[in-house]
PDB file of N, CA and C in Angstrom:
ATOM      1  N   UNK A   1     130.062 164.943 118.825  1.00  0.00           N
ATOM      2  CA  UNK A   1     129.919 164.206 117.398  1.00  0.00           C
ATOM      3  C   UNK A   1     128.777 164.812 116.693  1.00  0.00           C
ATOM      4  N   UNK A   2     128.064 165.326 117.432  1.00  0.00           N
ATOM      5  CA  UNK A   2     126.508 165.664 116.845  1.00  0.00           C
ATOM      6  C   UNK A   2     126.925 166.932 115.830  1.00  0.00           C
ATOM      7  N   UNK A   3     127.735 167.637 116.052  1.00  0.00           N
ATOM      8  CA  UNK A   3     127.814 169.097 115.420  1.00  0.00           C
ATOM      9  C   UNK A   3     129.091 169.008 114.316  1.00  0.00           C
ATOM     10  N   UNK A   4     129.849 167.724 114.354  1.00  0.00           N
ATOM     11  CA  UNK A   4     130.914 167.790 113.666  1.00  0.00           C
ATOM     12  C   UNK A   4     130.657 167.454 112.086  1.00  0.00           C
ATOM     13  N   UNK A   5     131.539 167.945 111.281  1.00  0.00           N
ATOM     14  CA  UNK A   5     131.419 167.608 109.897  1.00  0.00           C
ATOM     15  C   UNK A   5     132.769 166.848 109.336  1.00  0.00           C
ATOM     16  N   UNK A   6     133.461 166.239 110.373  1.00  0.00           N
ATOM     17  CA  UNK A   6     134.582 165.464 110.127  1.00  0.00           C
ATOM     18  C   UNK A   6     134.557 163.957 110.403  1.00  0.00           C
ATOM     19  N   UNK A   7     133.324 163.695 110.612  1.00  0.00           N
ATOM     20  CA  UNK A   7     133.109 162.289 111.003  1.00  0.00           C
ATOM     21  C   UNK A   7     132.856 161.318 109.684  1.00  0.00           C
ATOM     22  N   UNK A   8     133.154 159.944 110.015  1.00  0.00           N
ATOM     23  CA  UNK A   8     132.957 159.208 108.776  1.00  0.00           C
ATOM     24  C   UNK A   8     132.300 157.784 109.324  1.00  0.00           C
ATOM     25  N   UNK A   9     131.589 157.218 108.679  1.00  0.00           N
ATOM     26  CA  UNK A   9     131.010 155.995 109.085  1.00  0.00           C
ATOM     27  C   UNK A   9     131.544 154.708 107.967  1.00  0.00           C
ATOM     28  N   UNK A  10     131.897 153.700 108.359  1.00  0.00           N
ATOM     29  CA  UNK A  10     132.410 152.558 107.718  1.00  0.00           C
ATOM     30  C   UNK A  10     131.575 151.561 108.322  1.00  0.00           C
ATOM     31  N   UNK A  11     131.268 150.361 107.032  1.00  0.00           N
ATOM     32  CA  UNK A  11     130.555 149.375 107.497  1.00  0.00           C
ATOM     33  C   UNK A  11     131.675 148.325 107.678  1.00  0.00           C
ATOM     34  N   UNK A  12     131.439 147.409 108.860  1.00  0.00           N
ATOM     35  CA  UNK A  12     132.558 146.481 108.883  1.00  0.00           C
ATOM     36  C   UNK A  12     131.728 145.190 109.595  1.00  0.00           C
ATOM     37  N   UNK A  13     132.268 144.172 109.413  1.00  0.00           N
ATOM     38  CA  UNK A  13     131.791 142.784 109.826  1.00  0.00           C
ATOM     39  C   UNK A  13     132.751 142.307 111.149  1.00  0.00           C
ATOM     40  N   UNK A  14     132.187 142.883 112.278  1.00  0.00           N
ATOM     41  CA  UNK A  14     132.947 142.661 113.375  1.00  0.00           C
ATOM     42  C   UNK A  14     132.196 141.668 114.284  1.00  0.00           C
ATOM     43  N   UNK A  15     132.917 141.184 115.317  1.00  0.00           N
ATOM     44  CA  UNK A  15     132.185 140.187 116.256  1.00  0.00           C
ATOM     45  C   UNK A  15     132.494 140.800 117.695  1.00  0.00           C
ATOM     46  N   UNK A  16     131.542 140.687 118.685  1.00  0.00           N
ATOM     47  CA  UNK A  16     131.606 141.448 119.880  1.00  0.00           C
ATOM     48  C   UNK A  16     131.770 140.253 120.865  1.00  0.00           C
ATOM     49  N   UNK A  17     132.716 140.447 121.794  1.00  0.00           N
ATOM     50  CA  UNK A  17     132.745 139.788 123.162  1.00  0.00           C
ATOM     51  C   UNK A  17     132.788 140.904 124.177  1.00  0.00           C
ATOM     52  N   UNK A  18     131.909 140.538 125.042  1.00  0.00           N
ATOM     53  CA  UNK A  18     132.128 141.300 126.333  1.00  0.00           C
ATOM     54  C   UNK A  18     132.881 140.569 127.228  1.00  0.00           C
ATOM     55  N   UNK A  19     134.248 140.996 127.221  1.00  0.00           N
ATOM     56  CA  UNK A  19     135.379 140.158 127.850  1.00  0.00           C
ATOM     57  C   UNK A  19     135.227 140.655 129.421  1.00  0.00           C
ATOM     58  N   UNK A  20     134.715 139.545 130.207  1.00  0.00           N
ATOM     59  CA  UNK A  20     134.567 140.096 131.639  1.00  0.00           C
ATOM     60  C   UNK A  20     135.214 139.052 132.711  1.00  0.00           C
ATOM     61  N   UNK A  21     135.828 138.083 131.989  1.00  0.00           N
ATOM     62  CA  UNK A  21     136.436 137.057 133.091  1.00  0.00           C
ATOM     63  C   UNK A  21     137.799 136.627 132.396  1.00  0.00           C
ATOM     64  N   UNK A  22     138.626 135.984 133.135  1.00  0.00           N
ATOM     65  CA  UNK A  22     139.938 135.460 132.553  1.00  0.00           C
ATOM     66  C   UNK A  22     139.684 134.390 131.763  1.00  0.00           C
ATOM     67  N   UNK A  23     138.656 133.504 131.898  1.00  0.00           N
ATOM     68  CA  UNK A  23     138.320 132.608 130.810  1.00  0.00           C
ATOM     69  C   UNK A  23     138.063 133.126 129.274  1.00  0.00           C
ATOM     70  N   UNK A  24     137.303 134.223 129.293  1.00  0.00           N
ATOM     71  CA  UNK A  24     136.865 134.843 128.208  1.00  0.00           C
ATOM     72  C   UNK A  24     138.018 135.714 127.774  1.00  0.00           C
ATOM     73  N   UNK A  25     138.979 136.230 128.416  1.00  0.00           N
ATOM     74  CA  UNK A  25     140.378 136.749 127.899  1.00  0.00           C
ATOM     75  C   UNK A  25     141.008 135.278 127.294  1.00  0.00           C
ATOM     76  N   UNK A  26     141.128 134.359 127.938  1.00  0.00           N
ATOM     77  CA  UNK A  26     141.855 133.171 127.355  1.00  0.00           C
ATOM     78  C   UNK A  26     141.150 132.927 126.102  1.00  0.00           C
ATOM     79  N   UNK A  27     139.931 132.879 125.963  1.00  0.00           N
ATOM     80  CA  UNK A  27     139.390 132.375 124.517  1.00  0.00           C
ATOM     81  C   UNK A  27     139.700 133.529 123.569  1.00  0.00           C
ATOM     82  N   UNK A  28     139.663 134.845 123.935  1.00  0.00           N
ATOM     83  CA  UNK A  28     139.979 135.980 122.944  1.00  0.00           C
ATOM     84  C   UNK A  28     141.440 135.747 122.359  1.00  0.00           C
ATOM     85  N   UNK A  29     142.295 135.311 123.204  1.00  0.00           N
ATOM     86  CA  UNK A  29     143.695 135.221 122.718  1.00  0.00           C
ATOM     87  C   UNK A  29     144.040 134.158 122.047  1.00  0.00           C
ATOM     88  N   UNK A  30     143.072 133.014 121.857  1.00  0.00           N
ATOM     89  CA  UNK A  30     143.211 132.086 120.901  1.00  0.00           C
ATOM     90  C   UNK A  30     144.308 130.890 121.472  1.00  0.00           C
ATOM     91  N   UNK A  31     145.025 130.477 121.040  1.00  0.00           N
ATOM     92  CA  UNK A  31     145.784 129.554 121.367  1.00  0.00           C
ATOM     93  C   UNK A  31     146.787 128.647 120.365  1.00  0.00           C
ATOM     94  N   UNK A  32     147.564 127.607 121.063  1.00  0.00           N
ATOM     95  CA  UNK A  32     147.824 126.802 119.977  1.00  0.00           C
ATOM     96  C   UNK A  32     147.068 125.572 119.892  1.00  0.00           C
ATOM     97  N   UNK A  33     147.585 124.450 119.356  1.00  0.00           N
ATOM     98  CA  UNK A  33     146.890 123.249 118.984  1.00  0.00           C
ATOM     99  C   UNK A  33     146.155 122.509 120.218  1.00  0.00           C
ATOM    100  N   UNK A  34     146.735 122.928 121.545  1.00  0.00           N
ATOM    101  CA  UNK A  34     146.294 122.318 122.465  1.00  0.00           C
ATOM    102  C   UNK A  34     145.616 123.289 123.696  1.00  0.00           C
ATOM    103  N   UNK A  35     145.336 124.469 122.912  1.00  0.00           N
ATOM    104  CA  UNK A  35     144.438 125.508 123.579  1.00  0.00           C
ATOM    105  C   UNK A  35     145.334 126.366 124.826  1.00  0.00           C
ATOM    106  N   UNK A  36     146.334 126.259 124.581  1.00  0.00           N
ATOM    107  CA  UNK A  36     147.423 126.935 125.544  1.00  0.00           C
ATOM    108  C   UNK A  36     147.605 128.473 125.019  1.00  0.00           C
ATOM    109  N   UNK A  37     147.604 129.494 125.800  1.00  0.00           N
ATOM    110  CA  UNK A  37     147.838 130.691 125.316  1.00  0.00           C
ATOM    111  C   UNK A  37     148.291 131.610 126.335  1.00  0.00           C
ATOM    112  N   UNK A  38     148.871 132.628 125.913  1.00  0.00           N
ATOM    113  CA  UNK A  38     149.773 133.680 127.114  1.00  0.00           C
ATOM    114  C   UNK A  38     149.894 134.974 126.527  1.00  0.00           C
ATOM    115  N   UNK A  39     150.293 135.690 127.688  1.00  0.00           N
ATOM    116  CA  UNK A  39     150.706 137.040 127.383  1.00  0.00           C
ATOM    117  C   UNK A  39     151.772 137.223 128.345  1.00  0.00           C
ATOM    118  N   UNK A  40     153.173 137.658 127.859  1.00  0.00           N
ATOM    119  CA  UNK A  40     154.278 137.708 128.851  1.00  0.00           C
ATOM    120  C   UNK A  40     155.185 136.774 128.664  1.00  0.00           C
ATOM    121  N   UNK A  41     156.055 136.498 129.455  1.00  0.00           N
ATOM    122  CA  UNK A  41     157.161 135.758 129.521  1.00  0.00           C
ATOM    123  C   UNK A  41     156.539 134.523 130.242  1.00  0.00           C
ATOM    124  N   UNK A  42     155.897 133.559 129.300  1.00  0.00           N
ATOM    125  CA  UNK A  42     155.343 132.417 130.061  1.00  0.00           C
ATOM    126  C   UNK A  42     156.003 131.173 129.034  1.00  0.00           C
ATOM    127  N   UNK A  43     156.211 129.902 129.622  1.00  0.00           N
ATOM    128  CA  UNK A  43     156.586 128.772 128.870  1.00  0.00           C
ATOM    129  C   UNK A  43     155.492 127.695 129.398  1.00  0.00           C
ATOM    130  N   UNK A  44     154.977 127.253 128.492  1.00  0.00           N
ATOM    131  CA  UNK A  44     153.769 125.959 128.544  1.00  0.00           C
ATOM    132  C   UNK A  44     154.162 125.010 127.913  1.00  0.00           C
ATOM    133  N   UNK A  45     154.580 123.773 128.536  1.00  0.00           N
ATOM    134  CA  UNK A  45     154.828 122.663 127.905  1.00  0.00           C
ATOM    135  C   UNK A  45     153.823 121.360 128.693  1.00  0.00           C
ATOM    136  N   UNK A  46     153.712 120.315 127.813  1.00  0.00           N
ATOM    137  CA  UNK A  46     152.960 119.110 128.182  1.00  0.00           C
ATOM    138  C   UNK A  46     151.643 119.665 129.039  1.00  0.00           C
ATOM    139  N   UNK A  47     150.990 120.497 128.504  1.00  0.00           N
ATOM    140  CA  UNK A  47     149.643 120.951 128.982  1.00  0.00           C
ATOM    141  C   UNK A  47     148.761 121.233 128.138  1.00  0.00           C
ATOM    142  N   UNK A  48     147.486 121.416 128.803  1.00  0.00           N
ATOM    143  CA  UNK A  48     146.487 121.685 127.668  1.00  0.00           C
ATOM    144  C   UNK A  48     145.431 122.750 128.294  1.00  0.00           C
ATOM    145  N   UNK A  49     144.937 123.766 127.500  1.00  0.00           N
ATOM    146  CA  UNK A  49     143.868 124.709 127.862  1.00  0.00           C
ATOM    147  C   UNK A  49     144.408 125.678 129.289  1.00  0.00           C
ATOM    148  N   UNK A  50     145.920 125.844 129.039  1.00  0.00           N
ATOM    149  CA  UNK A  50     146.466 126.952 129.957  1.00  0.00           C
ATOM    150  C   UNK A  50     146.366 128.366 129.498  1.00  0.00           C
ATOM    151  N   UNK A  51     145.986 129.331 130.320  1.00  0.00           N
ATOM    152  CA  UNK A  51     146.205 130.669 129.807  1.00  0.00           C
ATOM    153  C   UNK A  51     147.126 131.285 130.799  1.00  0.00           C
ATOM    154  N   UNK A  52     148.495 131.826 130.444  1.00  0.00           N
ATOM    155  CA  UNK A  52     149.164 132.265 131.509  1.00  0.00           C
ATOM    156  C   UNK A  52     149.318 133.909 131.275  1.00  0.00           C
ATOM    157  N   UNK A  53     148.892 134.585 132.053  1.00  0.00           N
ATOM    158  CA  UNK A  53     148.982 136.168 131.863  1.00  0.00           C
ATOM    159  C   UNK A  53     149.968 136.580 132.745  1.00  0.00           C
ATOM    160  N   UNK A  54     151.349 137.072 132.264  1.00  0.00           N
ATOM    161  CA  UNK A  54     152.403 137.456 132.972  1.00  0.00           C
ATOM    162  C   UNK A  54     152.860 138.983 132.631  1.00  0.00           C
ATOM    163  N   UNK A  55     152.778 139.654 133.909  1.00  0.00           N
ATOM    164  CA  UNK A  55     153.100 141.021 133.741  1.00  0.00           C
ATOM    165  C   UNK A  55     154.435 141.345 133.603  1.00  0.00           C
ATOM    166  N   UNK A  56     154.872 142.666 132.963  1.00  0.00           N
ATOM    167  CA  UNK A  56     156.206 142.710 132.761  1.00  0.00           C
ATOM    168  C   UNK A  56     157.309 142.665 133.920  1.00  0.00           C
ATOM    169  N   UNK A  57     156.627 143.117 135.103  1.00  0.00           N
ATOM    170  CA  UNK A  57     157.327 143.171 136.456  1.00  0.00           C
ATOM    171  C   UNK A  57     157.177 141.842 136.927  1.00  0.00           C
ATOM    172  N   UNK A  58     156.796 140.684 136.627  1.00  0.00           N
ATOM    173  CA  UNK A  58     156.735 139.443 137.184  1.00  0.00           C
ATOM    174  C   UNK A  58     158.146 138.608 136.851  1.00  0.00           C
ATOM    175  N   UNK A  59     158.302 137.448 137.324  1.00  0.00           N
ATOM    176  CA  UNK A  59     159.050 136.695 136.844  1.00  0.00           C
ATOM    177  C   UNK A  59     158.762 135.781 135.706  1.00  0.00           C
ATOM    178  N   UNK A  60     159.601 135.070 134.847  1.00  0.00           N
ATOM    179  CA  UNK A  60     159.057 134.372 134.113  1.00  0.00           C
ATOM    180  C   UNK A  60     158.339 133.171 134.423  1.00  0.00           C
ATOM    181  N   UNK A  61     157.174 132.532 134.139  1.00  0.00           N
ATOM    182  CA  UNK A  61     156.452 131.668 134.473  1.00  0.00           C
ATOM    183  C   UNK A  61     156.562 130.501 133.623  1.00  0.00           C
ATOM    184  N   UNK A  62     156.746 129.315 134.145  1.00  0.00           N
ATOM    185  CA  UNK A  62     156.753 127.943 133.410  1.00  0.00           C
ATOM    186  C   UNK A  62     155.770 127.120 133.838  1.00  0.00           C
ATOM    187  N   UNK A  63     154.898 126.539 133.047  1.00  0.00           N
ATOM    188  CA  UNK A  63     153.945 125.611 133.516  1.00  0.00           C
ATOM    189  C   UNK A  63     154.017 124.149 132.575  1.00  0.00           C
ATOM    190  N   UNK A  64     153.978 123.209 133.483  1.00  0.00           N
ATOM    191  CA  UNK A  64     154.181 121.926 132.864  1.00  0.00           C
ATOM    192  C   UNK A  64     153.238 120.954 133.370  1.00  0.00           C
ATOM    193  N   UNK A  65     152.496 120.189 132.561  1.00  0.00           N
ATOM    194  CA  UNK A  65     151.532 119.068 132.969  1.00  0.00           C
ATOM    195  C   UNK A  65     150.318 119.500 133.579  1.00  0.00           C
ATOM    196  N   UNK A  66     149.867 120.557 133.229  1.00  0.00           N
ATOM    197  CA  UNK A  66     148.569 121.376 133.885  1.00  0.00           C
ATOM    198  C   UNK A  66     147.605 121.189 132.595  1.00  0.00           C
ATOM    199  N   UNK A  67     146.416 121.184 133.127  1.00  0.00           N
ATOM    200  CA  UNK A  67     145.226 121.180 132.291  1.00  0.00           C
ATOM    201  C   UNK A  67     144.074 122.148 132.753  1.00  0.00           C
ATOM    202  N   UNK A  68     143.590 123.002 131.976  1.00  0.00           N
ATOM    203  CA  UNK A  68     142.732 124.053 132.208  1.00  0.00           C
ATOM    204  C   UNK A  68     142.724 125.055 133.478  1.00  0.00           C
ATOM    205  N   UNK A  69     143.878 125.393 133.255  1.00  0.00           N
ATOM    206  CA  UNK A  69     144.191 126.576 134.510  1.00  0.00           C
ATOM    207  C   UNK A  69     144.544 127.866 133.887  1.00  0.00           C
ATOM    208  N   UNK A  70     144.449 128.884 134.856  1.00  0.00           N
ATOM    209  CA  UNK A  70     144.806 130.188 134.477  1.00  0.00           C
ATOM    210  C   UNK A  70     145.748 130.458 135.376  1.00  0.00           C
ATOM    211  N   UNK A  71     147.006 131.220 134.895  1.00  0.00           N
ATOM    212  CA  UNK A  71     147.923 131.579 135.825  1.00  0.00           C
ATOM    213  C   UNK A  71     148.168 133.149 135.566  1.00  0.00           C
ATOM    214  N   UNK A  72     148.068 133.955 136.735  1.00  0.00           N
ATOM    215  CA  UNK A  72     148.253 135.126 136.558  1.00  0.00           C
ATOM    216  C   UNK A  72     149.392 135.640 137.539  1.00  0.00           C
ATOM    217  N   UNK A  73     150.403 136.290 136.992  1.00  0.00           N
ATOM    218  CA  UNK A  73     151.689 136.820 137.671  1.00  0.00           C
ATOM    219  C   UNK A  73     151.846 138.291 137.541  1.00  0.00           C
ATOM    220  N   UNK A  74     151.984 138.726 138.804  1.00  0.00           N
ATOM    221  CA  UNK A  74     152.186 140.423 138.787  1.00  0.00           C
ATOM    222  C   UNK A  74     153.719 140.312 139.523  1.00  0.00           C
ATOM    223  N   UNK A  75     154.091 141.445 139.880  1.00  0.00           N
ATOM    224  CA  UNK A  75     155.627 141.481 140.347  1.00  0.00           C
ATOM    225  C   UNK A  75     155.442 140.858 141.722  1.00  0.00           C
ATOM    226  N   UNK A  76     154.536 140.722 142.654  1.00  0.00           N
ATOM    227  CA  UNK A  76     154.726 140.241 143.834  1.00  0.00           C
ATOM    228  C   UNK A  76     153.700 138.850 144.312  1.00  0.00           C
ATOM    229  N   UNK A  77     153.117 138.817 143.120  1.00  0.00           N
ATOM    230  CA  UNK A  77     151.825 137.410 143.416  1.00  0.00           C
ATOM    231  C   UNK A  77     151.675 136.870 142.007  1.00  0.00           C
ATOM    232  N   UNK A  78     151.708 135.414 142.547  1.00  0.00           N
ATOM    233  CA  UNK A  78     151.216 134.473 141.414  1.00  0.00           C
ATOM    234  C   UNK A  78     149.869 133.763 141.666  1.00  0.00           C
ATOM    235  N   UNK A  79     149.001 133.855 140.821  1.00  0.00           N
ATOM    236  CA  UNK A  79     147.706 133.031 140.992  1.00  0.00           C
ATOM    237  C   UNK A  79     147.584 131.978 140.175  1.00  0.00           C
ATOM    238  N   UNK A  80     147.353 130.833 140.627  1.00  0.00           N
ATOM    239  CA  UNK A  80     147.070 129.710 139.623  1.00  0.00           C
ATOM    240  C   UNK A  80     145.677 129.101 140.154  1.00  0.00           C
ATOM    241  N   UNK A  81     144.724 129.129 139.181  1.00  0.00           N
ATOM    242  CA  UNK A  81     143.467 128.570 139.588  1.00  0.00           C
ATOM    243  C   UNK A  81     143.059 127.799 138.332  1.00  0.00           C
ATOM    244  N   UNK A  82     142.241 126.735 138.731  1.00  0.00           N
ATOM    245  CA  UNK A  82     141.282 125.898 137.716  1.00  0.00           C
ATOM    246  C   UNK A  82     140.189 127.069 136.957  1.00  0.00           C
ATOM    247  N   UNK A  83     140.303 126.623 135.641  1.00  0.00           N
ATOM    248  CA  UNK A  83     139.334 127.699 134.779  1.00  0.00           C
ATOM    249  C   UNK A  83     138.141 127.630 135.331  1.00  0.00           C
ATOM    250  N   UNK A  84     137.612 126.451 135.937  1.00  0.00           N
ATOM    251  CA  UNK A  84     136.063 126.414 136.404  1.00  0.00           C
ATOM    252  C   UNK A  84     135.996 127.391 137.749  1.00  0.00           C
ATOM    253  N   UNK A  85     136.983 127.849 138.121  1.00  0.00           N
ATOM    254  CA  UNK A  85     137.019 128.662 139.536  1.00  0.00           C
ATOM    255  C   UNK A  85     137.434 130.176 139.068  1.00  0.00           C
ATOM    256  N   UNK A  86     137.379 130.444 137.862  1.00  0.00           N
ATOM    257  CA  UNK A  86     138.136 131.892 137.239  1.00  0.00           C
ATOM    258  C   UNK A  86     137.073 132.812 138.052  1.00  0.00           C
ATOM    259  N   UNK A  87     135.846 132.578 138.036  1.00  0.00           N
ATOM    260  CA  UNK A  87     135.149 133.660 138.750  1.00  0.00           C
ATOM    261  C   UNK A  87     135.373 134.024 140.029  1.00  0.00           C
ATOM    262  N   UNK A  88     135.940 133.243 140.967  1.00  0.00           N
ATOM    263  CA  UNK A  88     136.629 133.507 142.473  1.00  0.00           C
ATOM    264  C   UNK A  88     137.740 134.341 142.524  1.00  0.00           C
ATOM    265  N   UNK A  89     138.353 134.730 141.352  1.00  0.00           N
ATOM    266  CA  UNK A  89     139.751 135.339 141.312  1.00  0.00           C
ATOM    267  C   UNK A  89     139.556 136.890 141.775  1.00  0.00           C
ATOM    268  N   UNK A  90     138.183 137.361 141.766  1.00  0.00           N
ATOM    269  CA  UNK A  90     138.063 138.684 142.285  1.00  0.00           C
ATOM    270  C   UNK A  90     138.270 138.721 143.612  1.00  0.00           C
ATOM    271  N   UNK A  91     137.492 137.817 144.471  1.00  0.00           N
ATOM    272  CA  UNK A  91     137.589 137.580 145.757  1.00  0.00           C
ATOM    273  C   UNK A  91     139.020 137.466 146.204  1.00  0.00           C
ATOM    274  N   UNK A  92     139.823 136.556 145.616  1.00  0.00           N
ATOM    275  CA  UNK A  92     141.261 136.403 145.731  1.00  0.00           C
ATOM    276  C   UNK A  92     141.953 137.507 145.663  1.00  0.00           C
ATOM    277  N   UNK A  93     141.681 138.289 144.865  1.00  0.00           N
ATOM    278  CA  UNK A  93     142.548 139.580 144.587  1.00  0.00           C
ATOM    279  C   UNK A  93     142.070 140.689 145.517  1.00  0.00           C
ATOM    280  N   UNK A  94     140.953 140.595 146.093  1.00  0.00           N
ATOM    281  CA  UNK A  94     140.558 141.430 147.141  1.00  0.00           C
ATOM    282  C   UNK A  94     141.312 141.215 148.413  1.00  0.00           C
ATOM    283  N   UNK A  95     141.312 139.931 148.750  1.00  0.00           N
ATOM    284  CA  UNK A  95     142.296 139.406 149.958  1.00  0.00           C
ATOM    285  C   UNK A  95     143.651 139.604 149.872  1.00  0.00           C
ATOM    286  N   UNK A  96     144.395 139.410 148.641  1.00  0.00           N
ATOM    287  CA  UNK A  96     145.669 139.753 148.665  1.00  0.00           C
ATOM    288  C   UNK A  96     145.833 141.261 148.848  1.00  0.00           C
ATOM    289  N   UNK A  97     144.977 142.009 148.294  1.00  0.00           N
ATOM    290  CA  UNK A  97     145.155 143.520 148.398  1.00  0.00           C
ATOM    291  C   UNK A  97     145.062 143.932 149.803  1.00  0.00           C
ATOM    292  N   UNK A  98     144.191 143.301 150.650  1.00  0.00           N
ATOM    293  CA  UNK A  98     144.004 143.459 152.032  1.00  0.00           C
ATOM    294  C   UNK A  98     145.317 143.122 152.789  1.00  0.00           C
ATOM    295  N   UNK A  99     145.897 141.951 152.315  1.00  0.00           N
ATOM    296  CA  UNK A  99     147.090 141.561 153.146  1.00  0.00           C
ATOM    297  C   UNK A  99     148.123 142.768 152.826  1.00  0.00           C
ATOM    298  N   UNK A 100     148.312 143.242 151.798  1.00  0.00           N
ATOM    299  CA  UNK A 100     149.233 144.283 151.183  1.00  0.00           C
ATOM    300  C   UNK A 100     149.244 145.708 152.246  1.00  0.00           C
ATOM    301  N   UNK A 101     147.923 145.809 152.477  1.00  0.00           N
ATOM    302  CA  UNK A 101     147.684 146.942 153.055  1.00  0.00           C
ATOM    303  C   UNK A 101     148.122 147.050 154.838  1.00  0.00           C
ATOM    304  N   UNK A 102     148.163 145.477 155.252  1.00  0.00           N
ATOM    305  CA  UNK A 102     148.409 145.480 156.666  1.00  0.00           C
ATOM    306  C   UNK A 102     149.762 145.568 157.017  1.00  0.00           C
TER     307      UNK A 102
END
């Protein structure tokens, strides 16, 4: 970049969020009036504060009657955790990965 003559600079009013946890991803996704949001094939009913992250190779996920949880679904694993335990998801992921390798 130092030597290019083809660069441009634009002024923009942006906000920054260092997304480092599932709670922060859920907040960045926004949500409906009850604070529910998701990615992928997820149905959320009669719940509040639910974030469902369903990858393409995972089955459809349905959530009913839950509050403040994160649901992460991959092809062979579904994790359901209270939002206040979201930081422990990394440790759980390591355990699941170790089980796969056995």
